[in-house]
Amino acid sequence: MLKSEIYITLKKKIVDPQGLTIKHALESMGYKGLDEVRIGKFITIKIDCQNKEKAKKKIDNMCRKLLANPITEDYNVKMKGDK
């Protein structure tokens, strides 16, 4: 059993209104010096596969087809052995 950690973020060129709202809220609470706040998604999937490369290809396919919007989002997959 392998565990994948998937980090999905908006592409750098895409404005992040949710991140801007949180940045302004933090600044109004007295947290100064914030350069940028961006919001993303974190997804974990456990997959019954012993081969890390095959598992990563399956997860990558899932990201391209459903989990991430390739037009507006980037994603990064990390595979870990499940203990």
PDB file of N, CA and C in Angstrom:
ATOM      1  N   MET A   1       0.856  -1.175   0.000  1.00  0.00           N
ATOM      2  CA  MET A   1       0.000   0.000   0.000  1.00  0.00           C
ATOM      3  C   MET A   1       0.901   1.236   0.000  1.00  0.00           C
ATOM      4  N   LEU A   2       0.644   2.134  -0.933  1.00  0.00           N
ATOM      5  CA  LEU A   2       1.386   3.387  -1.022  1.00  0.00           C
ATOM      6  C   LEU A   2       0.456   4.553  -0.756  1.00  0.00           C
ATOM      7  N   LYS A   3       1.002   5.591  -0.198  1.00  0.00           N
ATOM      8  CA  LYS A   3       0.228   6.797   0.088  1.00  0.00           C
ATOM      9  C   LYS A   3       0.756   7.921  -0.792  1.00  0.00           C
ATOM     10  N   SER A   4      -0.154   8.625  -1.431  1.00  0.00           N
ATOM     11  CA  SER A   4       0.236   9.783  -2.232  1.00  0.00           C
ATOM     12  C   SER A   4      -0.240  11.046  -1.531  1.00  0.00           C
ATOM     13  N   GLU A   5       0.597  12.062  -1.595  1.00  0.00           N
ATOM     14  CA  GLU A   5       0.237  13.387  -1.108  1.00  0.00           C
ATOM     15  C   GLU A   5       0.225  14.305  -2.320  1.00  0.00           C
ATOM     16  N   ILE A   6      -0.913  14.920  -2.563  1.00  0.00           N
ATOM     17  CA  ILE A   6      -1.096  15.750  -3.752  1.00  0.00           C
ATOM     18  C   ILE A   6      -1.337  17.188  -3.300  1.00  0.00           C
ATOM     19  N   TYR A   7      -0.483  18.076  -3.786  1.00  0.00           N
ATOM     20  CA  TYR A   7      -0.604  19.497  -3.486  1.00  0.00           C
ATOM     21  C   TYR A   7      -1.057  20.201  -4.758  1.00  0.00           C
ATOM     22  N   ILE A   8      -2.200  20.876  -4.684  1.00  0.00           N
ATOM     23  CA  ILE A   8      -2.751  21.570  -5.843  1.00  0.00           C
ATOM     24  C   ILE A   8      -2.812  23.056  -5.523  1.00  0.00           C
ATOM     25  N   THR A   9      -2.226  23.861  -6.409  1.00  0.00           N
ATOM     26  CA  THR A   9      -2.227  25.320  -6.213  1.00  0.00           C
ATOM     27  C   THR A   9      -2.599  26.002  -7.521  1.00  0.00           C
ATOM     28  N   LEU A  10      -3.067  27.224  -7.382  1.00  0.00           N
ATOM     29  CA  LEU A  10      -3.331  28.010  -8.580  1.00  0.00           C
ATOM     30  C   LEU A  10      -2.009  28.331  -9.260  1.00  0.00           C
ATOM     31  N   LYS A  11      -2.014  28.394 -10.571  1.00  0.00           N
ATOM     32  CA  LYS A  11      -0.813  28.798 -11.297  1.00  0.00           C
ATOM     33  C   LYS A  11      -0.445  30.218 -10.864  1.00  0.00           C
ATOM     34  N   LYS A  12       0.829  30.520 -10.894  1.00  0.00           N
ATOM     35  CA  LYS A  12       1.327  31.827 -10.437  1.00  0.00           C
ATOM     36  C   LYS A  12       0.651  32.989 -11.162  1.00  0.00           C
ATOM     37  N   LYS A  13       0.316  32.817 -12.437  1.00  0.00           N
ATOM     38  CA  LYS A  13      -0.282  33.918 -13.205  1.00  0.00           C
ATOM     39  C   LYS A  13      -1.768  34.138 -12.869  1.00  0.00           C
ATOM     40  N   ILE A  14      -2.370  33.212 -12.127  1.00  0.00           N
ATOM     41  CA  ILE A  14      -3.788  33.313 -11.771  1.00  0.00           C
ATOM     42  C   ILE A  14      -3.921  34.061 -10.447  1.00  0.00           C
ATOM     43  N   VAL A  15      -4.772  35.079 -10.435  1.00  0.00           N
ATOM     44  CA  VAL A  15      -5.034  35.831  -9.207  1.00  0.00           C
ATOM     45  C   VAL A  15      -5.772  34.925  -8.228  1.00  0.00           C
ATOM     46  N   ASP A  16      -5.368  34.978  -6.957  1.00  0.00           N
ATOM     47  CA  ASP A  16      -5.968  34.147  -5.904  1.00  0.00           C
ATOM     48  C   ASP A  16      -6.803  35.037  -4.982  1.00  0.00           C
ATOM     49  N   PRO A  17      -8.102  35.243  -5.287  1.00  0.00           N
ATOM     50  CA  PRO A  17      -8.914  36.140  -4.475  1.00  0.00           C
ATOM     51  C   PRO A  17      -9.068  35.661  -3.029  1.00  0.00           C
ATOM     52  N   GLN A  18      -9.118  34.371  -2.822  1.00  0.00           N
ATOM     53  CA  GLN A  18      -9.223  33.841  -1.463  1.00  0.00           C
ATOM     54  C   GLN A  18      -7.946  34.139  -0.678  1.00  0.00           C
ATOM     55  N   GLY A  19      -6.807  33.969  -1.319  1.00  0.00           N
ATOM     56  CA  GLY A  19      -5.535  34.291  -0.686  1.00  0.00           C
ATOM     57  C   GLY A  19      -5.435  35.771  -0.354  1.00  0.00           C
ATOM     58  N   LEU A  20      -5.900  36.637  -1.271  1.00  0.00           N
ATOM     59  CA  LEU A  20      -5.879  38.082  -1.024  1.00  0.00           C
ATOM     60  C   LEU A  20      -6.766  38.453   0.159  1.00  0.00           C
ATOM     61  N   THR A  21      -7.935  37.829   0.253  1.00  0.00           N
ATOM     62  CA  THR A  21      -8.850  38.098   1.365  1.00  0.00           C
ATOM     63  C   THR A  21      -8.207  37.708   2.694  1.00  0.00           C
ATOM     64  N   ILE A  22      -7.570  36.557   2.725  1.00  0.00           N
ATOM     65  CA  ILE A  22      -6.914  36.110   3.956  1.00  0.00           C
ATOM     66  C   ILE A  22      -5.737  37.010   4.293  1.00  0.00           C
ATOM     67  N   LYS A  23      -4.980  37.430   3.279  1.00  0.00           N
ATOM     68  CA  LYS A  23      -3.853  38.340   3.508  1.00  0.00           C
ATOM     69  C   LYS A  23      -4.337  39.637   4.138  1.00  0.00           C
ATOM     70  N   HIS A  24      -5.408  40.213   3.596  1.00  0.00           N
ATOM     71  CA  HIS A  24      -5.947  41.463   4.150  1.00  0.00           C
ATOM     72  C   HIS A  24      -6.457  41.262   5.571  1.00  0.00           C
ATOM     73  N   ALA A  25      -7.105  40.132   5.829  1.00  0.00           N
ATOM     74  CA  ALA A  25      -7.605  39.847   7.177  1.00  0.00           C
ATOM     75  C   ALA A  25      -6.451  39.716   8.166  1.00  0.00           C
ATOM     76  N   LEU A  26      -5.401  39.020   7.775  1.00  0.00           N
ATOM     77  CA  LEU A  26      -4.239  38.869   8.653  1.00  0.00           C
ATOM     78  C   LEU A  26      -3.579  40.221   8.927  1.00  0.00           C
ATOM     79  N   GLU A  27      -3.487  41.049   7.892  1.00  0.00           N
ATOM     80  CA  GLU A  27      -2.888  42.379   8.074  1.00  0.00           C
ATOM     81  C   GLU A  27      -3.738  43.238   9.003  1.00  0.00           C
ATOM     82  N   SER A  28      -5.065  43.114   8.894  1.00  0.00           N
ATOM     83  CA  SER A  28      -5.937  43.893   9.776  1.00  0.00           C
ATOM     84  C   SER A  28      -5.857  43.416  11.226  1.00  0.00           C
ATOM     85  N   MET A  29      -5.366  42.183  11.413  1.00  0.00           N
ATOM     86  CA  MET A  29      -5.175  41.650  12.765  1.00  0.00           C
ATOM     87  C   MET A  29      -3.797  41.996  13.315  1.00  0.00           C
ATOM     88  N   GLY A  30      -3.022  42.737  12.530  1.00  0.00           N
ATOM     89  CA  GLY A  30      -1.721  43.179  13.007  1.00  0.00           C
ATOM     90  C   GLY A  30      -0.539  42.398  12.475  1.00  0.00           C
ATOM     91  N   TYR A  31      -0.767  41.413  11.629  1.00  0.00           N
ATOM     92  CA  TYR A  31       0.340  40.649  11.045  1.00  0.00           C
ATOM     93  C   TYR A  31       0.855  41.399   9.822  1.00  0.00           C
ATOM     94  N   LYS A  32       1.971  42.074   9.997  1.00  0.00           N
ATOM     95  CA  LYS A  32       2.523  42.915   8.922  1.00  0.00           C
ATOM     96  C   LYS A  32       3.647  42.188   8.186  1.00  0.00           C
ATOM     97  N   GLY A  33       3.994  42.729   7.032  1.00  0.00           N
ATOM     98  CA  GLY A  33       5.109  42.197   6.259  1.00  0.00           C
ATOM     99  C   GLY A  33       4.772  40.976   5.433  1.00  0.00           C
ATOM    100  N   LEU A  34       3.500  40.707   5.219  1.00  0.00           N
ATOM    101  CA  LEU A  34       3.112  39.558   4.398  1.00  0.00           C
ATOM    102  C   LEU A  34       3.270  39.930   2.926  1.00  0.00           C
ATOM    103  N   ASP A  35       4.032  39.173   2.223  1.00  0.00           N
ATOM    104  CA  ASP A  35       4.248  39.450   0.807  1.00  0.00           C
ATOM    105  C   ASP A  35       3.112  38.882  -0.037  1.00  0.00           C
ATOM    106  N   GLU A  36       2.733  37.654   0.260  1.00  0.00           N
ATOM    107  CA  GLU A  36       1.703  36.995  -0.543  1.00  0.00           C
ATOM    108  C   GLU A  36       1.113  35.834   0.251  1.00  0.00           C
ATOM    109  N   VAL A  37      -0.194  35.633   0.091  1.00  0.00           N
ATOM    110  CA  VAL A  37      -0.870  34.463   0.656  1.00  0.00           C
ATOM    111  C   VAL A  37      -1.607  33.788  -0.490  1.00  0.00           C
ATOM    112  N   ARG A  38      -1.363  32.503  -0.660  1.00  0.00           N
ATOM    113  CA  ARG A  38      -2.048  31.743  -1.705  1.00  0.00           C
ATOM    114  C   ARG A  38      -2.658  30.505  -1.072  1.00  0.00           C
ATOM    115  N   ILE A  39      -3.818  30.138  -1.545  1.00  0.00           N
ATOM    116  CA  ILE A  39      -4.574  29.011  -1.009  1.00  0.00           C
ATOM    117  C   ILE A  39      -4.497  27.851  -2.007  1.00  0.00           C
ATOM    118  N   GLY A  40      -4.446  26.647  -1.474  1.00  0.00           N
ATOM    119  CA  GLY A  40      -4.409  25.474  -2.331  1.00  0.00           C
ATOM    120  C   GLY A  40      -5.198  24.331  -1.713  1.00  0.00           C
ATOM    121  N   LYS A  41      -5.058  23.172  -2.308  1.00  0.00           N
ATOM    122  CA  LYS A  41      -5.722  21.964  -1.818  1.00  0.00           C
ATOM    123  C   LYS A  41      -4.659  20.918  -1.513  1.00  0.00           C
ATOM    124  N   PHE A  42      -4.934  20.095  -0.521  1.00  0.00           N
ATOM    125  CA  PHE A  42      -4.064  18.986  -0.164  1.00  0.00           C
ATOM    126  C   PHE A  42      -4.924  17.734  -0.147  1.00  0.00           C
ATOM    127  N   ILE A  43      -4.535  16.742  -0.934  1.00  0.00           N
ATOM    128  CA  ILE A  43      -5.311  15.511  -1.057  1.00  0.00           C
ATOM    129  C   ILE A  43      -4.378  14.332  -0.784  1.00  0.00           C
ATOM    130  N   THR A  44      -4.855  13.364  -0.006  1.00  0.00           N
ATOM    131  CA  THR A  44      -4.102  12.125   0.168  1.00  0.00           C
ATOM    132  C   THR A  44      -4.918  10.975  -0.411  1.00  0.00           C
ATOM    133  N   ILE A  45      -4.224  10.081  -1.077  1.00  0.00           N
ATOM    134  CA  ILE A  45      -4.855   8.887  -1.645  1.00  0.00           C
ATOM    135  C   ILE A  45      -3.963   7.699  -1.316  1.00  0.00           C
ATOM    136  N   LYS A  46      -4.559   6.660  -0.750  1.00  0.00           N
ATOM    137  CA  LYS A  46      -3.836   5.406  -0.547  1.00  0.00           C
ATOM    138  C   LYS A  46      -4.189   4.498  -1.710  1.00  0.00           C
ATOM    139  N   ILE A  47      -3.165   3.907  -2.302  1.00  0.00           N
ATOM    140  CA  ILE A  47      -3.368   3.088  -3.479  1.00  0.00           C
ATOM    141  C   ILE A  47      -2.698   1.730  -3.272  1.00  0.00           C
ATOM    142  N   ASP A  48      -3.409   0.687  -3.636  1.00  0.00           N
ATOM    143  CA  ASP A  48      -2.903  -0.671  -3.465  1.00  0.00           C
ATOM    144  C   ASP A  48      -2.019  -1.012  -4.654  1.00  0.00           C
ATOM    145  N   CYS A  49      -0.764  -0.627  -4.543  1.00  0.00           N
ATOM    146  CA  CYS A  49       0.202  -0.859  -5.611  1.00  0.00           C
ATOM    147  C   CYS A  49       1.580  -0.877  -4.968  1.00  0.00           C
ATOM    148  N   GLN A  50       2.394  -1.822  -5.311  1.00  0.00           N
ATOM    149  CA  GLN A  50       3.727  -1.949  -4.707  1.00  0.00           C
ATOM    150  C   GLN A  50       4.793  -1.182  -5.496  1.00  0.00           C
ATOM    151  N   ASN A  51       4.530  -0.903  -6.748  1.00  0.00           N
ATOM    152  CA  ASN A  51       5.490  -0.215  -7.605  1.00  0.00           C
ATOM    153  C   ASN A  51       5.234   1.292  -7.554  1.00  0.00           C
ATOM    154  N   LYS A  52       6.188   2.056  -6.994  1.00  0.00           N
ATOM    155  CA  LYS A  52       6.006   3.505  -6.831  1.00  0.00           C
ATOM    156  C   LYS A  52       5.807   4.227  -8.160  1.00  0.00           C
ATOM    157  N   GLU A  53       6.541   3.821  -9.180  1.00  0.00           N
ATOM    158  CA  GLU A  53       6.432   4.498 -10.476  1.00  0.00           C
ATOM    159  C   GLU A  53       5.055   4.279 -11.108  1.00  0.00           C
ATOM    160  N   LYS A  54       4.544   3.042 -11.044  1.00  0.00           N
ATOM    161  CA  LYS A  54       3.208   2.763 -11.588  1.00  0.00           C
ATOM    162  C   LYS A  54       2.136   3.504 -10.791  1.00  0.00           C
ATOM    163  N   ALA A  55       2.291   3.516  -9.467  1.00  0.00           N
ATOM    164  CA  ALA A  55       1.325   4.215  -8.617  1.00  0.00           C
ATOM    165  C   ALA A  55       1.334   5.709  -8.921  1.00  0.00           C
ATOM    166  N   LYS A  56       2.528   6.280  -9.079  1.00  0.00           N
ATOM    167  CA  LYS A  56       2.616   7.716  -9.369  1.00  0.00           C
ATOM    168  C   LYS A  56       1.983   8.044 -10.714  1.00  0.00           C
ATOM    169  N   LYS A  57       2.158   7.167 -11.707  1.00  0.00           N
ATOM    170  CA  LYS A  57       1.528   7.385 -13.011  1.00  0.00           C
ATOM    171  C   LYS A  57       0.006   7.374 -12.890  1.00  0.00           C
ATOM    172  N   LYS A  58      -0.524   6.449 -12.086  1.00  0.00           N
ATOM    173  CA  LYS A  58      -1.981   6.400 -11.882  1.00  0.00           C
ATOM    174  C   LYS A  58      -2.478   7.670 -11.202  1.00  0.00           C
ATOM    175  N   ILE A  59      -1.766   8.095 -10.162  1.00  0.00           N
ATOM    176  CA  ILE A  59      -2.162   9.313  -9.439  1.00  0.00           C
ATOM    177  C   ILE A  59      -2.056  10.526 -10.348  1.00  0.00           C
ATOM    178  N   ASP A  60      -0.991  10.598 -11.146  1.00  0.00           N
ATOM    179  CA  ASP A  60      -0.817  11.699 -12.090  1.00  0.00           C
ATOM    180  C   ASP A  60      -1.982  11.744 -13.075  1.00  0.00           C
ATOM    181  N   ASN A  61      -2.406  10.588 -13.536  1.00  0.00           N
ATOM    182  CA  ASN A  61      -3.544  10.496 -14.451  1.00  0.00           C
ATOM    183  C   ASN A  61      -4.826  11.005 -13.777  1.00  0.00           C
ATOM    184  N   MET A  62      -5.014  10.636 -12.505  1.00  0.00           N
ATOM    185  CA  MET A  62      -6.179  11.117 -11.747  1.00  0.00           C
ATOM    186  C   MET A  62      -6.161  12.640 -11.634  1.00  0.00           C
ATOM    187  N   CYS A  63      -4.988  13.192 -11.390  1.00  0.00           N
ATOM    188  CA  CYS A  63      -4.859  14.648 -11.268  1.00  0.00           C
ATOM    189  C   CYS A  63      -5.205  15.334 -12.575  1.00  0.00           C
ATOM    190  N   ARG A  64      -4.676  14.820 -13.674  1.00  0.00           N
ATOM    191  CA  ARG A  64      -4.930  15.436 -14.979  1.00  0.00           C
ATOM    192  C   ARG A  64      -6.389  15.325 -15.401  1.00  0.00           C
ATOM    193  N   LYS A  65      -7.055  14.206 -15.018  1.00  0.00           N
ATOM    194  CA  LYS A  65      -8.428  13.980 -15.461  1.00  0.00           C
ATOM    195  C   LYS A  65      -9.493  14.569 -14.545  1.00  0.00           C
ATOM    196  N   LEU A  66      -9.198  14.677 -13.234  1.00  0.00           N
ATOM    197  CA  LEU A  66     -10.253  15.093 -12.315  1.00  0.00           C
ATOM    198  C   LEU A  66      -9.814  16.049 -11.199  1.00  0.00           C
ATOM    199  N   LEU A  67      -8.714  15.741 -10.539  1.00  0.00           N
ATOM    200  CA  LEU A  67      -8.390  16.441  -9.297  1.00  0.00           C
ATOM    201  C   LEU A  67      -7.905  17.877  -9.488  1.00  0.00           C
ATOM    202  N   ALA A  68      -7.203  18.144 -10.563  1.00  0.00           N
ATOM    203  CA  ALA A  68      -6.680  19.495 -10.814  1.00  0.00           C
ATOM    204  C   ALA A  68      -7.171  19.998 -12.167  1.00  0.00           C
ATOM    205  N   ASN A  69      -7.403  21.284 -12.241  1.00  0.00           N
ATOM    206  CA  ASN A  69      -7.777  21.908 -13.503  1.00  0.00           C
ATOM    207  C   ASN A  69      -6.482  22.342 -14.196  1.00  0.00           C
ATOM    208  N   PRO A  70      -6.100  21.687 -15.288  1.00  0.00           N
ATOM    209  CA  PRO A  70      -4.805  21.979 -15.911  1.00  0.00           C
ATOM    210  C   PRO A  70      -4.691  23.391 -16.477  1.00  0.00           C
ATOM    211  N   ILE A  71      -5.800  24.067 -16.662  1.00  0.00           N
ATOM    212  CA  ILE A  71      -5.769  25.429 -17.196  1.00  0.00           C
ATOM    213  C   ILE A  71      -5.386  26.428 -16.107  1.00  0.00           C
ATOM    214  N   THR A  72      -5.872  26.216 -14.890  1.00  0.00           N
ATOM    215  CA  THR A  72      -5.654  27.203 -13.826  1.00  0.00           C
ATOM    216  C   THR A  72      -4.800  26.703 -12.663  1.00  0.00           C
ATOM    217  N   GLU A  73      -4.549  25.391 -12.602  1.00  0.00           N
ATOM    218  CA  GLU A  73      -3.871  24.840 -11.424  1.00  0.00           C
ATOM    219  C   GLU A  73      -2.627  24.033 -11.786  1.00  0.00           C
ATOM    220  N   ASP A  74      -1.669  24.060 -10.872  1.00  0.00           N
ATOM    221  CA  ASP A  74      -0.501  23.184 -10.916  1.00  0.00           C
ATOM    222  C   ASP A  74      -0.664  22.157  -9.808  1.00  0.00           C
ATOM    223  N   TYR A  75       0.003  21.017  -9.951  1.00  0.00           N
ATOM    224  CA  TYR A  75      -0.037  20.027  -8.875  1.00  0.00           C
ATOM    225  C   TYR A  75       1.317  19.349  -8.745  1.00  0.00           C
ATOM    226  N   ASN A  76       1.543  18.834  -7.552  1.00  0.00           N
ATOM    227  CA  ASN A  76       2.779  18.116  -7.242  1.00  0.00           C
ATOM    228  C   ASN A  76       2.393  16.870  -6.457  1.00  0.00           C
ATOM    229  N   VAL A  77       2.933  15.725  -6.858  1.00  0.00           N
ATOM    230  CA  VAL A  77       2.601  14.456  -6.212  1.00  0.00           C
ATOM    231  C   VAL A  77       3.842  13.918  -5.515  1.00  0.00           C
ATOM    232  N   LYS A  78       3.675  13.531  -4.249  1.00  0.00           N
ATOM    233  CA  LYS A  78       4.735  12.869  -3.503  1.00  0.00           C
ATOM    234  C   LYS A  78       4.217  11.501  -3.094  1.00  0.00           C
ATOM    235  N   MET A  79       4.994  10.476  -3.379  1.00  0.00           N
ATOM    236  CA  MET A  79       4.609   9.114  -3.020  1.00  0.00           C
ATOM    237  C   MET A  79       5.382   8.686  -1.777  1.00  0.00           C
ATOM    238  N   LYS A  80       4.671   8.034  -0.862  1.00  0.00           N
ATOM    239  CA  LYS A  80       5.284   7.540   0.362  1.00  0.00           C
ATOM    240  C   LYS A  80       4.810   6.124   0.619  1.00  0.00           C
ATOM    241  N   GLY A  81       5.692   5.319   1.198  1.00  0.00           N
ATOM    242  CA  GLY A  81       5.292   3.984   1.610  1.00  0.00           C
ATOM    243  C   GLY A  81       4.399   4.080   2.827  1.00  0.00           C
ATOM    244  N   ASP A  82       3.324   3.346   2.863  1.00  0.00           N
ATOM    245  CA  ASP A  82       2.383   3.378   3.993  1.00  0.00           C
ATOM    246  C   ASP A  82       2.879   2.431   5.083  1.00  0.00           C
ATOM    247  N   LYS A  83       2.959   2.923   6.285  1.00  0.00           N
ATOM    248  CA  LYS A  83       3.436   2.105   7.402  1.00  0.00           C
ATOM    249  C   LYS A  83       2.339   1.808   8.377  1.00  0.00           C
TER     250      LYS A  83
END
